[in-house]
Protein backbone atom coordinates (compact mmCIF):
# COMPACT_ATOMS: atom_id res chain seq x y z
CA MET A 1 174.66 15.90 94.05
CA ILE A 2 177.45 14.17 95.88
CA TYR A 3 179.11 15.80 98.77
CA ASP A 4 181.82 13.82 100.26
CA ALA A 5 182.38 10.21 98.61
CA GLY A 6 183.31 8.36 101.98
CA ASN A 7 185.92 7.02 104.08
CA TYR A 8 188.61 5.12 102.38
CA SER A 9 188.41 1.63 104.22
CA GLY A 10 186.90 -1.07 102.47
CA GLY A 11 188.04 1.13 99.28
CA GLY A 12 184.89 3.20 99.99
CA SER A 13 182.32 0.05 99.15
CA LEU A 14 180.11 1.50 102.69
CA THR A 15 179.89 4.04 100.63
CA PHE A 16 179.55 2.60 97.08
CA ASP A 17 176.72 0.36 98.24
CA LYS A 18 174.92 3.56 99.61
CA VAL A 19 175.38 5.46 96.60
CA GLN A 20 173.74 2.54 94.35
CA GLU A 21 171.02 2.78 96.97
CA ILE A 22 169.65 6.11 96.11
CA ILE A 23 171.55 6.31 92.61
CA PRO A 24 170.68 3.80 89.55
CA LEU A 25 174.64 2.60 88.63
CA ASP A 26 175.12 4.54 84.92
CA SER A 27 173.33 7.45 85.61
CA ASN A 28 174.52 10.67 85.25
CA ILE A 29 175.90 12.84 88.41
CA GLU A 30 175.33 16.73 87.72
CA LEU A 31 177.55 17.36 90.73
CA MET A 32 180.33 15.57 93.54
CA VAL A 33 181.45 18.10 95.53
CA LEU A 34 184.79 16.67 97.88
CA SER A 35 185.45 19.49 100.35
CA HIS A 36 188.60 18.14 101.35
CA SER A 37 190.93 16.07 99.99
CA ASP A 38 191.83 13.82 102.84
CA SER A 39 191.76 10.22 102.70
CA ASP A 40 188.05 9.66 104.45
CA HIS A 41 186.81 12.05 101.94
CA LEU A 42 187.44 10.67 98.52
CA GLY A 43 187.33 6.75 99.34
CA ALA A 44 184.67 5.99 96.83
CA VAL A 45 185.69 8.52 93.80
CA ASP A 46 186.76 6.40 91.79
CA GLU A 47 184.26 3.96 92.62
CA ILE A 48 181.45 6.39 91.27
CA CYS A 49 183.16 7.53 88.55
CA ASP A 50 183.28 4.15 87.19
CA ALA A 51 180.09 3.62 87.77
CA TYR A 52 177.58 6.70 86.69
CA HIS A 53 178.54 9.77 84.38
CA VAL A 54 179.80 12.24 86.55
CA ARG A 55 179.25 15.87 84.60
CA ARG A 56 180.89 18.39 87.39
CA VAL A 57 183.67 18.02 90.39
CA LEU A 58 184.62 20.39 92.96
CA ARG A 59 187.32 20.05 95.23
CA ALA A 60 189.67 22.15 96.92
CA GLY A 61 192.69 21.14 94.51
CA HIS A 62 194.81 19.77 97.93
CA GLN A 63 196.80 17.66 97.14
CA ARG A 64 197.82 14.83 98.81
CA SER A 65 200.85 11.32 98.19
CA THR A 66 198.04 9.03 99.51
CA SER A 67 196.69 5.68 97.87
CA THR A 68 193.53 6.93 97.98
CA TRP A 69 193.61 10.30 97.43
CA ASN A 70 195.99 8.88 94.27
CA ASP A 71 192.84 6.61 92.40
CA ALA A 72 190.44 9.90 92.73
CA ASN A 73 192.69 11.63 91.17
CA THR A 74 192.82 9.34 88.88
CA ALA A 75 189.79 8.85 88.05
CA ILE A 76 188.70 12.16 87.68
CA GLN A 77 191.25 12.64 85.22
CA LEU A 78 189.82 9.97 83.42
CA GLU A 79 185.85 11.17 83.98
CA ASP A 80 187.53 14.60 82.14
CA ASP A 81 188.80 13.21 79.26
CA ASN A 82 185.64 9.65 78.42
CA ASP A 83 182.73 11.79 80.11
CA ASN A 84 183.67 15.37 79.59
CA CYS A 85 183.46 15.99 83.70
CA VAL A 86 184.38 19.60 84.43
CA ASP A 87 187.26 19.39 86.98
CA ILE A 88 187.17 22.37 89.19
CA GLU A 89 189.53 22.86 91.21
CA LEU A 90 189.23 25.90 94.10
CA ARG A 91 192.98 26.17 94.17
CA GLY A 92 193.83 25.94 89.86
CA LYS A 93 195.73 23.94 88.16
């Protein structure tokens, strides 16, 4: 499980590097919880979705207009389309 995906600075690279130290690339991640949609919690979502098979994402669902939110949202949608990820938005779709 991953709880939040780190700060947006450096494109989330610090968080992604730490995730790779713990979880081997191309593994399944059963659950990624995104506590809220501020950019400092979404930084590595797109990298994580690209490098792993994320099975479920639990998120607040509050939309933002930041590029970090847009990148994360697009990555989650692609994970849903390509890897059958279950996207659980607490606000509904």
